[in-house]
């Protein structure tokens, strides 16, 4: 049994310091656009689950958010700043209790900024929360992150199909800031390395207390994909039945041809044995071959 919650929501941005050299009334450059999302509802649930964990760790703390997500922690953190991953040379050593980084691009800025995370969190209770897609180009960033912290803990984020029993109020709820306490049963296994995202907690001291996070959503795209998959499966099963029947017919035809070929082979062998047993037949066959050869040479001479 595990207690799960989804205590994060996108609220109005909190006014805070901007560490990338821009003035408070000047918006920082927009982060790189994420890859195309096939299912926005599922993508939103992925994001909310991560921000729920971040909000749990951010309560009453001095927090820095990298690139995007500061609005989800507004009103939760005691102090909230935001900056870009490539501008982490600005904060002082130990300036923050928590740094939250949700990276979608493994570029030069990320390569510079990730090793800085351990420096800018507090030496005793400072914590960094890093999420990256499970793709090969992010492996060096994860190595750099784990190398700079005394302790790291990897959480594996993946999407699962869920069936929930809820009362009327929670059944009608769509506010992710209202956490649902629930007993969770998991029926399907997966191996480490199969996850969509890796979420790594880095700490210099003890790990903070936190709970697993589960964000549920309804997806029209997913429902359509399941229906299409079922139709494809039924079509494939029907085609397999037809293919098996066709294979049976072909096997029967092959057997018939093999029997005919065997009959011809036996017939030819019998004729040859009969001819070879009679000298006059062999002489006649030799004479016929000679005539055919002479006729062929005569035709070649006349053509030449």
C-alpha atoms as a PDB file:
ATOM      1  CA  UNK A   1       0.000   0.000   0.000  1.00  0.00           C
ATOM      2  CA  UNK A   2       1.339   3.444  -0.878  1.00  0.00           C
ATOM      3  CA  UNK A   3       0.019   6.925  -0.201  1.00  0.00           C
ATOM      4  CA  UNK A   4      -0.019   9.026  -3.351  1.00  0.00           C
ATOM      5  CA  UNK A   5      -0.867  12.639  -3.989  1.00  0.00           C
ATOM      6  CA  UNK A   6      -0.955  15.192  -6.751  1.00  0.00           C
ATOM      7  CA  UNK A   7      -0.441  18.481  -4.948  1.00  0.00           C
ATOM      8  CA  UNK A   8       0.788  20.619  -7.824  1.00  0.00           C
ATOM      9  CA  UNK A   9      -1.119  22.929 -10.134  1.00  0.00           C
ATOM     10  CA  UNK A  10      -0.262  25.654 -12.616  1.00  0.00           C
ATOM     11  CA  UNK A  11      -1.204  28.892 -10.835  1.00  0.00           C
ATOM     12  CA  UNK A  12      -0.366  32.525 -11.494  1.00  0.00           C
ATOM     13  CA  UNK A  13       3.398  33.152 -11.553  1.00  0.00           C
ATOM     14  CA  UNK A  14       4.911  34.511  -8.362  1.00  0.00           C
ATOM     15  CA  UNK A  15       6.933  37.658  -8.525  1.00  0.00           C
ATOM     16  CA  UNK A  16      10.537  36.792  -7.674  1.00  0.00           C
ATOM     17  CA  UNK A  17      14.095  37.575  -8.550  1.00  0.00           C
ATOM     18  CA  UNK A  18      15.324  36.704 -12.029  1.00  0.00           C
ATOM     19  CA  UNK A  19      18.911  35.527 -12.023  1.00  0.00           C
ATOM     20  CA  UNK A  20      19.748  35.692 -15.710  1.00  0.00           C
ATOM     21  CA  UNK A  21      20.494  39.410 -15.767  1.00  0.00           C
ATOM     22  CA  UNK A  22      17.018  40.533 -16.898  1.00  0.00           C
ATOM     23  CA  UNK A  23      15.060  43.123 -15.002  1.00  0.00           C
ATOM     24  CA  UNK A  24      11.965  41.919 -13.072  1.00  0.00           C
ATOM     25  CA  UNK A  25       9.630  43.416 -15.700  1.00  0.00           C
ATOM     26  CA  UNK A  26      11.529  41.856 -18.581  1.00  0.00           C
ATOM     27  CA  UNK A  27      10.612  38.287 -19.437  1.00  0.00           C
ATOM     28  CA  UNK A  28      13.547  35.876 -19.780  1.00  0.00           C
ATOM     29  CA  UNK A  29      14.009  34.079 -23.102  1.00  0.00           C
ATOM     30  CA  UNK A  30      11.584  31.232 -23.623  1.00  0.00           C
ATOM     31  CA  UNK A  31      13.011  27.715 -23.077  1.00  0.00           C
ATOM     32  CA  UNK A  32      13.485  25.454 -26.115  1.00  0.00           C
ATOM     33  CA  UNK A  33      10.266  24.001 -27.473  1.00  0.00           C
ATOM     34  CA  UNK A  34       9.692  20.379 -26.355  1.00  0.00           C
ATOM     35  CA  UNK A  35       9.265  17.587 -28.899  1.00  0.00           C
ATOM     36  CA  UNK A  36       5.855  17.218 -30.516  1.00  0.00           C
ATOM     37  CA  UNK A  37       3.350  15.658 -28.107  1.00  0.00           C
ATOM     38  CA  UNK A  38       0.943  13.109 -29.545  1.00  0.00           C
ATOM     39  CA  UNK A  39      -1.301  13.134 -26.467  1.00  0.00           C
ATOM     40  CA  UNK A  40      -1.480  16.433 -24.573  1.00  0.00           C
ATOM     41  CA  UNK A  41      -3.568  14.996 -21.717  1.00  0.00           C
ATOM     42  CA  UNK A  42      -0.979  12.318 -20.954  1.00  0.00           C
ATOM     43  CA  UNK A  43       1.866  14.833 -21.324  1.00  0.00           C
ATOM     44  CA  UNK A  44       0.118  17.111 -18.811  1.00  0.00           C
ATOM     45  CA  UNK A  45      -0.204  14.231 -16.335  1.00  0.00           C
ATOM     46  CA  UNK A  46       3.513  13.493 -16.694  1.00  0.00           C
ATOM     47  CA  UNK A  47       4.308  17.114 -15.932  1.00  0.00           C
ATOM     48  CA  UNK A  48       1.898  17.369 -12.990  1.00  0.00           C
ATOM     49  CA  UNK A  49       3.319  14.231 -11.344  1.00  0.00           C
ATOM     50  CA  UNK A  50       6.821  15.732 -11.411  1.00  0.00           C
ATOM     51  CA  UNK A  51       5.666  19.145 -10.185  1.00  0.00           C
ATOM     52  CA  UNK A  52       3.706  17.473  -7.384  1.00  0.00           C
ATOM     53  CA  UNK A  53       6.943  15.962  -6.112  1.00  0.00           C
ATOM     54  CA  UNK A  54       8.707  19.314  -6.522  1.00  0.00           C
ATOM     55  CA  UNK A  55       5.975  21.130  -4.585  1.00  0.00           C
ATOM     56  CA  UNK A  56       6.231  18.610  -1.752  1.00  0.00           C
ATOM     57  CA  UNK A  57       9.960  19.247  -1.442  1.00  0.00           C
ATOM     58  CA  UNK A  58       9.568  23.035  -1.860  1.00  0.00           C
ATOM     59  CA  UNK A  59       7.253  23.780   1.095  1.00  0.00           C
ATOM     60  CA  UNK A  60       8.683  26.648   3.129  1.00  0.00           C
ATOM     61  CA  UNK A  61      12.065  26.495   1.420  1.00  0.00           C
ATOM     62  CA  UNK A  62      14.262  28.828  -0.604  1.00  0.00           C
ATOM     63  CA  UNK A  63      13.781  27.479  -4.137  1.00  0.00           C
ATOM     64  CA  UNK A  64      15.289  28.020  -7.589  1.00  0.00           C
ATOM     65  CA  UNK A  65      13.450  26.683 -10.657  1.00  0.00           C
ATOM     66  CA  UNK A  66      15.413  26.069 -13.838  1.00  0.00           C
ATOM     67  CA  UNK A  67      13.862  27.196 -17.158  1.00  0.00           C
ATOM     68  CA  UNK A  68      10.155  26.469 -16.492  1.00  0.00           C
ATOM     69  CA  UNK A  69       7.709  25.479 -13.755  1.00  0.00           C
ATOM     70  CA  UNK A  70       8.031  28.319 -11.257  1.00  0.00           C
ATOM     71  CA  UNK A  71       4.299  29.089 -11.418  1.00  0.00           C
ATOM     72  CA  UNK A  72       3.486  25.630 -10.030  1.00  0.00           C
ATOM     73  CA  UNK A  73       5.476  26.396  -6.853  1.00  0.00           C
ATOM     74  CA  UNK A  74       4.117  29.913  -6.303  1.00  0.00           C
ATOM     75  CA  UNK A  75       2.745  30.250  -2.801  1.00  0.00           C
ATOM     76  CA  UNK A  76       4.409  27.018  -1.710  1.00  0.00           C
ATOM     77  CA  UNK A  77       8.071  28.020  -1.494  1.00  0.00           C
ATOM     78  CA  UNK A  78       9.175  30.583   1.077  1.00  0.00           C
ATOM     79  CA  UNK A  79      11.199  32.326  -1.639  1.00  0.00           C
ATOM     80  CA  UNK A  80      11.124  31.503  -5.347  1.00  0.00           C
ATOM     81  CA  UNK A  81      13.552  32.433  -8.128  1.00  0.00           C
ATOM     82  CA  UNK A  82      13.924  31.238 -11.696  1.00  0.00           C
ATOM     83  CA  UNK A  83      16.721  31.214 -14.238  1.00  0.00           C
ATOM     84  CA  UNK A  84      18.055  29.333 -17.250  1.00  0.00           C
ATOM     85  CA  UNK A  85      20.200  26.234 -17.029  1.00  0.00           C
ATOM     86  CA  UNK A  86      23.063  28.023 -18.756  1.00  0.00           C
ATOM     87  CA  UNK A  87      23.095  30.918 -16.257  1.00  0.00           C
ATOM     88  CA  UNK A  88      23.955  29.007 -13.076  1.00  0.00           C
ATOM     89  CA  UNK A  89      27.288  30.759 -12.610  1.00  0.00           C
ATOM     90  CA  UNK A  90      25.350  33.674 -11.095  1.00  0.00           C
ATOM     91  CA  UNK A  91      23.925  32.180  -7.840  1.00  0.00           C
ATOM     92  CA  UNK A  92      26.258  32.080  -4.844  1.00  0.00           C
ATOM     93  CA  UNK A  93      27.421  28.851  -3.235  1.00  0.00           C
ATOM     94  CA  UNK A  94      24.684  27.334  -1.085  1.00  0.00           C
ATOM     95  CA  UNK A  95      22.180  30.020  -2.077  1.00  0.00           C
ATOM     96  CA  UNK A  96      19.175  27.664  -2.232  1.00  0.00           C
ATOM     97  CA  UNK A  97      17.583  24.894  -0.235  1.00  0.00           C
ATOM     98  CA  UNK A  98      16.085  23.314  -3.354  1.00  0.00           C
ATOM     99  CA  UNK A  99      16.806  23.540  -7.071  1.00  0.00           C
ATOM    100  CA  UNK A 100      14.273  22.058  -9.514  1.00  0.00           C
ATOM    101  CA  UNK A 101      15.374  21.346 -13.093  1.00  0.00           C
ATOM    102  CA  UNK A 102      13.118  19.752 -15.716  1.00  0.00           C
ATOM    103  CA  UNK A 103      15.339  19.470 -18.802  1.00  0.00           C
ATOM    104  CA  UNK A 104      14.098  18.626 -22.280  1.00  0.00           C
ATOM    105  CA  UNK A 105      17.241  19.462 -24.278  1.00  0.00           C
ATOM    106  CA  UNK A 106      20.768  18.135 -23.741  1.00  0.00           C
ATOM    107  CA  UNK A 107      22.646  21.163 -25.087  1.00  0.00           C
ATOM    108  CA  UNK A 108      25.768  23.104 -24.086  1.00  0.00           C
ATOM    109  CA  UNK A 109      23.799  25.097 -21.520  1.00  0.00           C
ATOM    110  CA  UNK A 110      22.702  21.913 -19.779  1.00  0.00           C
ATOM    111  CA  UNK A 111      26.231  20.509 -19.913  1.00  0.00           C
ATOM    112  CA  UNK A 112      27.477  23.659 -18.147  1.00  0.00           C
ATOM    113  CA  UNK A 113      24.604  24.051 -15.696  1.00  0.00           C
ATOM    114  CA  UNK A 114      24.053  20.538 -14.343  1.00  0.00           C
ATOM    115  CA  UNK A 115      27.430  20.312 -12.559  1.00  0.00           C
ATOM    116  CA  UNK A 116      26.630  23.695 -10.934  1.00  0.00           C
ATOM    117  CA  UNK A 117      23.548  22.360  -9.133  1.00  0.00           C
ATOM    118  CA  UNK A 118      25.513  20.787  -6.291  1.00  0.00           C
ATOM    119  CA  UNK A 119      27.345  24.084  -5.699  1.00  0.00           C
ATOM    120  CA  UNK A 120      24.314  26.334  -5.382  1.00  0.00           C
ATOM    121  CA  UNK A 121      22.338  24.158  -2.925  1.00  0.00           C
ATOM    122  CA  UNK A 122      23.055  24.233   0.792  1.00  0.00           C
ATOM    123  CA  UNK A 123      25.904  22.046   2.006  1.00  0.00           C
ATOM    124  CA  UNK A 124      23.896  20.432   4.816  1.00  0.00           C
ATOM    125  CA  UNK A 125      20.252  20.181   3.764  1.00  0.00           C
ATOM    126  CA  UNK A 126      20.407  21.334   0.149  1.00  0.00           C
ATOM    127  CA  UNK A 127      18.582  19.210  -2.425  1.00  0.00           C
ATOM    128  CA  UNK A 128      18.427  19.237  -6.230  1.00  0.00           C
ATOM    129  CA  UNK A 129      15.645  17.628  -8.239  1.00  0.00           C
ATOM    130  CA  UNK A 130      16.509  16.814 -11.863  1.00  0.00           C
ATOM    131  CA  UNK A 131      14.229  15.262 -14.485  1.00  0.00           C
ATOM    132  CA  UNK A 132      15.425  14.230 -17.957  1.00  0.00           C
ATOM    133  CA  UNK A 133      13.945  12.065 -20.710  1.00  0.00           C
ATOM    134  CA  UNK A 134      15.275   8.529 -20.826  1.00  0.00           C
ATOM    135  CA  UNK A 135      17.359   9.023 -23.968  1.00  0.00           C
ATOM    136  CA  UNK A 136      21.085   8.345 -24.600  1.00  0.00           C
ATOM    137  CA  UNK A 137      22.054  12.000 -25.080  1.00  0.00           C
ATOM    138  CA  UNK A 138      21.072  12.732 -21.448  1.00  0.00           C
ATOM    139  CA  UNK A 139      23.361  10.067 -19.962  1.00  0.00           C
ATOM    140  CA  UNK A 140      26.367  12.447 -19.615  1.00  0.00           C
ATOM    141  CA  UNK A 141      24.171  14.927 -17.737  1.00  0.00           C
ATOM    142  CA  UNK A 142      23.057  12.234 -15.301  1.00  0.00           C
ATOM    143  CA  UNK A 143      26.673  11.158 -14.797  1.00  0.00           C
ATOM    144  CA  UNK A 144      27.704  14.754 -14.087  1.00  0.00           C
ATOM    145  CA  UNK A 145      24.809  15.166 -11.646  1.00  0.00           C
ATOM    146  CA  UNK A 146      25.549  12.020  -9.640  1.00  0.00           C
ATOM    147  CA  UNK A 147      29.266  12.769  -9.581  1.00  0.00           C
ATOM    148  CA  UNK A 148      28.794  16.123  -7.819  1.00  0.00           C
ATOM    149  CA  UNK A 149      26.457  15.018  -5.008  1.00  0.00           C
ATOM    150  CA  UNK A 150      27.306  12.902  -1.994  1.00  0.00           C
ATOM    151  CA  UNK A 151      24.051  10.979  -2.387  1.00  0.00           C
ATOM    152  CA  UNK A 152      21.625  10.489  -5.255  1.00  0.00           C
ATOM    153  CA  UNK A 153      18.381   8.598  -5.616  1.00  0.00           C
ATOM    154  CA  UNK A 154      16.870   7.729  -9.001  1.00  0.00           C
ATOM    155  CA  UNK A 155      13.098   7.580  -9.473  1.00  0.00           C
ATOM    156  CA  UNK A 156      11.703   6.139 -12.692  1.00  0.00           C
ATOM    157  CA  UNK A 157       8.682   7.901 -14.177  1.00  0.00           C
ATOM    158  CA  UNK A 158       6.444   5.995 -16.555  1.00  0.00           C
ATOM    159  CA  UNK A 159       2.807   5.975 -17.637  1.00  0.00           C
ATOM    160  CA  UNK A 160       0.464   3.243 -16.415  1.00  0.00           C
ATOM    161  CA  UNK A 161      -3.183   2.425 -17.017  1.00  0.00           C
ATOM    162  CA  UNK A 162      -5.203   2.939 -13.820  1.00  0.00           C
ATOM    163  CA  UNK A 163      -8.686   2.120 -12.583  1.00  0.00           C
ATOM    164  CA  UNK A 164      -9.821   4.313  -9.679  1.00  0.00           C
ATOM    165  CA  UNK A 165     -12.646   4.071  -7.127  1.00  0.00           C
ATOM    166  CA  UNK A 166     -13.653   7.613  -6.112  1.00  0.00           C
ATOM    167  CA  UNK A 167     -16.545   9.310  -4.339  1.00  0.00           C
ATOM    168  CA  UNK A 168     -18.733  11.804  -6.233  1.00  0.00           C
ATOM    169  CA  UNK A 169     -16.667  14.839  -5.235  1.00  0.00           C
ATOM    170  CA  UNK A 170     -13.351  13.392  -6.357  1.00  0.00           C
ATOM    171  CA  UNK A 171     -14.951  11.790  -9.417  1.00  0.00           C
ATOM    172  CA  UNK A 172     -15.932  15.267 -10.630  1.00  0.00           C
ATOM    173  CA  UNK A 173     -12.641  16.877  -9.577  1.00  0.00           C
ATOM    174  CA  UNK A 174     -10.114  18.094 -12.145  1.00  0.00           C
ATOM    175  CA  UNK A 175      -7.974  20.253  -9.835  1.00  0.00           C
ATOM    176  CA  UNK A 176      -4.509  18.687  -9.420  1.00  0.00           C
ATOM    177  CA  UNK A 177      -3.871  20.815  -6.319  1.00  0.00           C
ATOM    178  CA  UNK A 178      -6.363  18.621  -4.420  1.00  0.00           C
ATOM    179  CA  UNK A 179      -4.438  15.520  -3.425  1.00  0.00           C
ATOM    180  CA  UNK A 180      -6.149  12.134  -3.387  1.00  0.00           C
ATOM    181  CA  UNK A 181      -5.099   9.721  -0.660  1.00  0.00           C
ATOM    182  CA  UNK A 182      -5.368   6.247  -2.097  1.00  0.00           C
ATOM    183  CA  UNK A 183      -4.209   2.681  -1.786  1.00  0.00           C
ATOM    184  CA  UNK A 184      -2.383   1.802  -4.998  1.00  0.00           C
ATOM    185  CA  UNK A 185      -2.057  -1.702  -6.421  1.00  0.00           C
ATOM    186  CA  UNK A 186       0.415  -2.253  -9.265  1.00  0.00           C
ATOM    187  CA  UNK A 187      -0.229  -5.209 -11.564  1.00  0.00           C
ATOM    188  CA  UNK A 188       2.387  -4.795 -14.305  1.00  0.00           C
ATOM    189  CA  UNK A 189       6.156  -4.890 -13.984  1.00  0.00           C
ATOM    190  CA  UNK A 190       8.814  -3.055 -15.974  1.00  0.00           C
ATOM    191  CA  UNK A 191      12.586  -3.180 -15.920  1.00  0.00           C
ATOM    192  CA  UNK A 192      14.768  -0.182 -15.011  1.00  0.00           C
ATOM    193  CA  UNK A 193      15.712   1.425 -18.293  1.00  0.00           C
ATOM    194  CA  UNK A 194      12.205   1.124 -19.771  1.00  0.00           C
ATOM    195  CA  UNK A 195      10.977   4.343 -18.135  1.00  0.00           C
ATOM    196  CA  UNK A 196      10.045   7.516 -20.016  1.00  0.00           C
ATOM    197  CA  UNK A 197      11.845   9.866 -17.614  1.00  0.00           C
ATOM    198  CA  UNK A 198      14.509   9.611 -14.961  1.00  0.00           C
ATOM    199  CA  UNK A 199      13.993  11.811 -11.913  1.00  0.00           C
ATOM    200  CA  UNK A 200      17.102  12.056  -9.746  1.00  0.00           C
ATOM    201  CA  UNK A 201      17.250  13.564  -6.267  1.00  0.00           C
ATOM    202  CA  UNK A 202      20.693  14.823  -5.273  1.00  0.00           C
ATOM    203  CA  UNK A 203      21.618  15.681  -1.687  1.00  0.00           C
ATOM    204  CA  UNK A 204      24.749  16.465   0.288  1.00  0.00           C
ATOM    205  CA  UNK A 205      23.192  15.126   3.492  1.00  0.00           C
ATOM    206  CA  UNK A 206      20.127  13.052   4.254  1.00  0.00           C
ATOM    207  CA  UNK A 207      17.375  12.677   1.678  1.00  0.00           C
ATOM    208  CA  UNK A 208      14.201  14.662   2.393  1.00  0.00           C
ATOM    209  CA  UNK A 209      10.947  12.870   3.114  1.00  0.00           C
ATOM    210  CA  UNK A 210       8.657  12.537   0.099  1.00  0.00           C
ATOM    211  CA  UNK A 211       5.829  10.370  -1.193  1.00  0.00           C
ATOM    212  CA  UNK A 212       5.257   8.644  -4.531  1.00  0.00           C
ATOM    213  CA  UNK A 213       3.186  10.755  -6.930  1.00  0.00           C
ATOM    214  CA  UNK A 214       0.391   9.619  -9.239  1.00  0.00           C
ATOM    215  CA  UNK A 215      -1.404  11.942 -11.677  1.00  0.00           C
ATOM    216  CA  UNK A 216      -4.501  10.507 -13.392  1.00  0.00           C
ATOM    217  CA  UNK A 217      -6.122  11.805 -16.554  1.00  0.00           C
ATOM    218  CA  UNK A 218      -8.636  10.805 -19.202  1.00  0.00           C
ATOM    219  CA  UNK A 219      -7.300  10.773 -22.728  1.00  0.00           C
ATOM    220  CA  UNK A 220      -9.418  10.824 -25.878  1.00  0.00           C
ATOM    221  CA  UNK A 221      -6.311  10.141 -27.950  1.00  0.00           C
ATOM    222  CA  UNK A 222      -5.392   7.138 -25.815  1.00  0.00           C
ATOM    223  CA  UNK A 223      -8.942   5.767 -26.024  1.00  0.00           C
ATOM    224  CA  UNK A 224      -8.879   6.131 -29.805  1.00  0.00           C
ATOM    225  CA  UNK A 225      -5.485   4.457 -29.971  1.00  0.00           C
ATOM    226  CA  UNK A 226      -6.745   1.502 -27.917  1.00  0.00           C
ATOM    227  CA  UNK A 227      -9.818   1.163 -30.154  1.00  0.00           C
ATOM    228  CA  UNK A 228      -7.635   1.327 -33.269  1.00  0.00           C
ATOM    229  CA  UNK A 229      -5.271  -1.228 -31.750  1.00  0.00           C
ATOM    230  CA  UNK A 230      -8.180  -3.578 -31.100  1.00  0.00           C
ATOM    231  CA  UNK A 231      -9.405  -3.220 -34.700  1.00  0.00           C
ATOM    232  CA  UNK A 232      -5.873  -3.865 -35.977  1.00  0.00           C
ATOM    233  CA  UNK A 233      -5.587  -6.905 -33.742  1.00  0.00           C
ATOM    234  CA  UNK A 234      -8.877  -8.363 -34.990  1.00  0.00           C
ATOM    235  CA  UNK A 235      -7.852  -7.715 -38.607  1.00  0.00           C
ATOM    236  CA  UNK A 236      -4.483  -9.362 -38.009  1.00  0.00           C
ATOM    237  CA  UNK A 237      -6.136 -12.412 -36.431  1.00  0.00           C
ATOM    238  CA  UNK A 238      -8.486 -12.743 -39.432  1.00  0.00           C
ATOM    239  CA  UNK A 239      -5.564 -12.393 -41.844  1.00  0.00           C
ATOM    240  CA  UNK A 240      -3.663 -15.045 -39.877  1.00  0.00           C
ATOM    241  CA  UNK A 241      -6.589 -17.479 -40.223  1.00  0.00           C
ATOM    242  CA  UNK A 242      -6.713 -16.809 -43.982  1.00  0.00           C
ATOM    243  CA  UNK A 243      -2.941 -17.240 -44.258  1.00  0.00           C
ATOM    244  CA  UNK A 244      -3.087 -20.568 -42.420  1.00  0.00           C
ATOM    245  CA  UNK A 245      -5.858 -21.810 -44.748  1.00  0.00           C
ATOM    246  CA  UNK A 246      -3.850 -20.660 -47.785  1.00  0.00           C
ATOM    247  CA  UNK A 247      -0.775 -22.439 -46.432  1.00  0.00           C
ATOM    248  CA  UNK A 248      -2.766 -25.666 -46.110  1.00  0.00           C
ATOM    249  CA  UNK A 249      -3.933 -25.362 -49.740  1.00  0.00           C
ATOM    250  CA  UNK A 250      -0.398 -24.623 -50.931  1.00  0.00           C
ATOM    251  CA  UNK A 251       0.998 -27.574 -48.984  1.00  0.00           C
ATOM    252  CA  UNK A 252      -1.604 -29.861 -50.589  1.00  0.00           C
ATOM    253  CA  UNK A 253      -0.738 -28.568 -54.064  1.00  0.00           C
ATOM    254  CA  UNK A 254       2.986 -29.060 -53.402  1.00  0.00           C
ATOM    255  CA  UNK A 255       2.328 -32.651 -52.376  1.00  0.00           C
ATOM    256  CA  UNK A 256       0.382 -33.228 -55.617  1.00  0.00           C
ATOM    257  CA  UNK A 257       3.241 -31.789 -57.707  1.00  0.00           C
ATOM    258  CA  UNK A 258       5.804 -33.864 -55.841  1.00  0.00           C
ATOM    259  CA  UNK A 259       3.751 -37.014 -56.487  1.00  0.00           C
ATOM    260  CA  UNK A 260       3.488 -36.152 -60.201  1.00  0.00           C
ATOM    261  CA  UNK A 261       7.242 -35.490 -60.381  1.00  0.00           C
ATOM    262  CA  UNK A 262       7.985 -38.760 -58.634  1.00  0.00           C
ATOM    263  CA  UNK A 263       5.729 -40.597 -61.172  1.00  0.00           C
ATOM    264  CA  UNK A 264       7.560 -38.993 -64.102  1.00  0.00           C
ATOM    265  CA  UNK A 265      10.932 -39.881 -62.599  1.00  0.00           C
ATOM    266  CA  UNK A 266       9.885 -43.495 -62.117  1.00  0.00           C
ATOM    267  CA  UNK A 267       8.382 -43.640 -65.648  1.00  0.00           C
ATOM    268  CA  UNK A 268      11.563 -42.226 -67.231  1.00  0.00           C
ATOM    269  CA  UNK A 269      13.735 -44.660 -65.284  1.00  0.00           C
ATOM    270  CA  UNK A 270      11.542 -47.556 -66.410  1.00  0.00           C
ATOM    271  CA  UNK A 271      11.709 -46.482 -70.070  1.00  0.00           C
ATOM    272  CA  UNK A 272      15.484 -46.058 -69.856  1.00  0.00           C
ATOM    273  CA  UNK A 273      15.901 -49.462 -68.263  1.00  0.00           C
ATOM    274  CA  UNK A 274      13.788 -51.044 -71.012  1.00  0.00           C
ATOM    275  CA  UNK A 275      15.787 -49.318 -73.778  1.00  0.00           C
ATOM    276  CA  UNK A 276      19.153 -50.202 -72.268  1.00  0.00           C
ATOM    277  CA  UNK A 277      18.113 -53.854 -71.954  1.00  0.00           C
ATOM    278  CA  UNK A 278      17.588 -54.178 -75.742  1.00  0.00           C
ATOM    279  CA  UNK A 279      20.648 -53.703 -78.035  1.00  0.00           C
ATOM    280  CA  UNK A 280      18.591 -52.878 -81.103  1.00  0.00           C
ATOM    281  CA  UNK A 281      16.826 -50.104 -79.170  1.00  0.00           C
ATOM    282  CA  UNK A 282      20.154 -48.670 -78.092  1.00  0.00           C
ATOM    283  CA  UNK A 283      21.450 -48.799 -81.667  1.00  0.00           C
ATOM    284  CA  UNK A 284      18.301 -47.057 -82.881  1.00  0.00           C
ATOM    285  CA  UNK A 285      18.669 -44.376 -80.199  1.00  0.00           C
ATOM    286  CA  UNK A 286      22.341 -43.854 -81.147  1.00  0.00           C
ATOM    287  CA  UNK A 287      21.424 -43.583 -84.833  1.00  0.00           C
ATOM    288  CA  UNK A 288      18.730 -41.038 -84.009  1.00  0.00           C
ATOM    289  CA  UNK A 289      21.210 -38.962 -82.014  1.00  0.00           C
ATOM    290  CA  UNK A 290      23.699 -39.060 -84.924  1.00  0.00           C
ATOM    291  CA  UNK A 291      21.031 -37.920 -87.379  1.00  0.00           C
ATOM    292  CA  UNK A 292      20.046 -35.050 -85.124  1.00  0.00           C
ATOM    293  CA  UNK A 293      23.708 -33.993 -84.752  1.00  0.00           C
ATOM    294  CA  UNK A 294      24.374 -34.163 -88.538  1.00  0.00           C
ATOM    295  CA  UNK A 295      21.203 -32.207 -89.284  1.00  0.00           C
ATOM    296  CA  UNK A 296      22.211 -29.530 -86.795  1.00  0.00           C
ATOM    297  CA  UNK A 297      25.703 -29.159 -88.332  1.00  0.00           C
ATOM    298  CA  UNK A 298      24.215 -29.014 -91.854  1.00  0.00           C
ATOM    299  CA  UNK A 299      21.910 -26.184 -90.822  1.00  0.00           C
ATOM    300  CA  UNK A 300      24.840 -24.275 -89.351  1.00  0.00           C
ATOM    301  CA  UNK A 301      26.846 -24.685 -92.620  1.00  0.00           C
ATOM    302  CA  UNK A 302      23.918 -23.514 -94.763  1.00  0.00           C
ATOM    303  CA  UNK A 303      23.364 -20.479 -92.494  1.00  0.00           C
ATOM    304  CA  UNK A 304      27.093 -19.660 -92.665  1.00  0.00           C
END
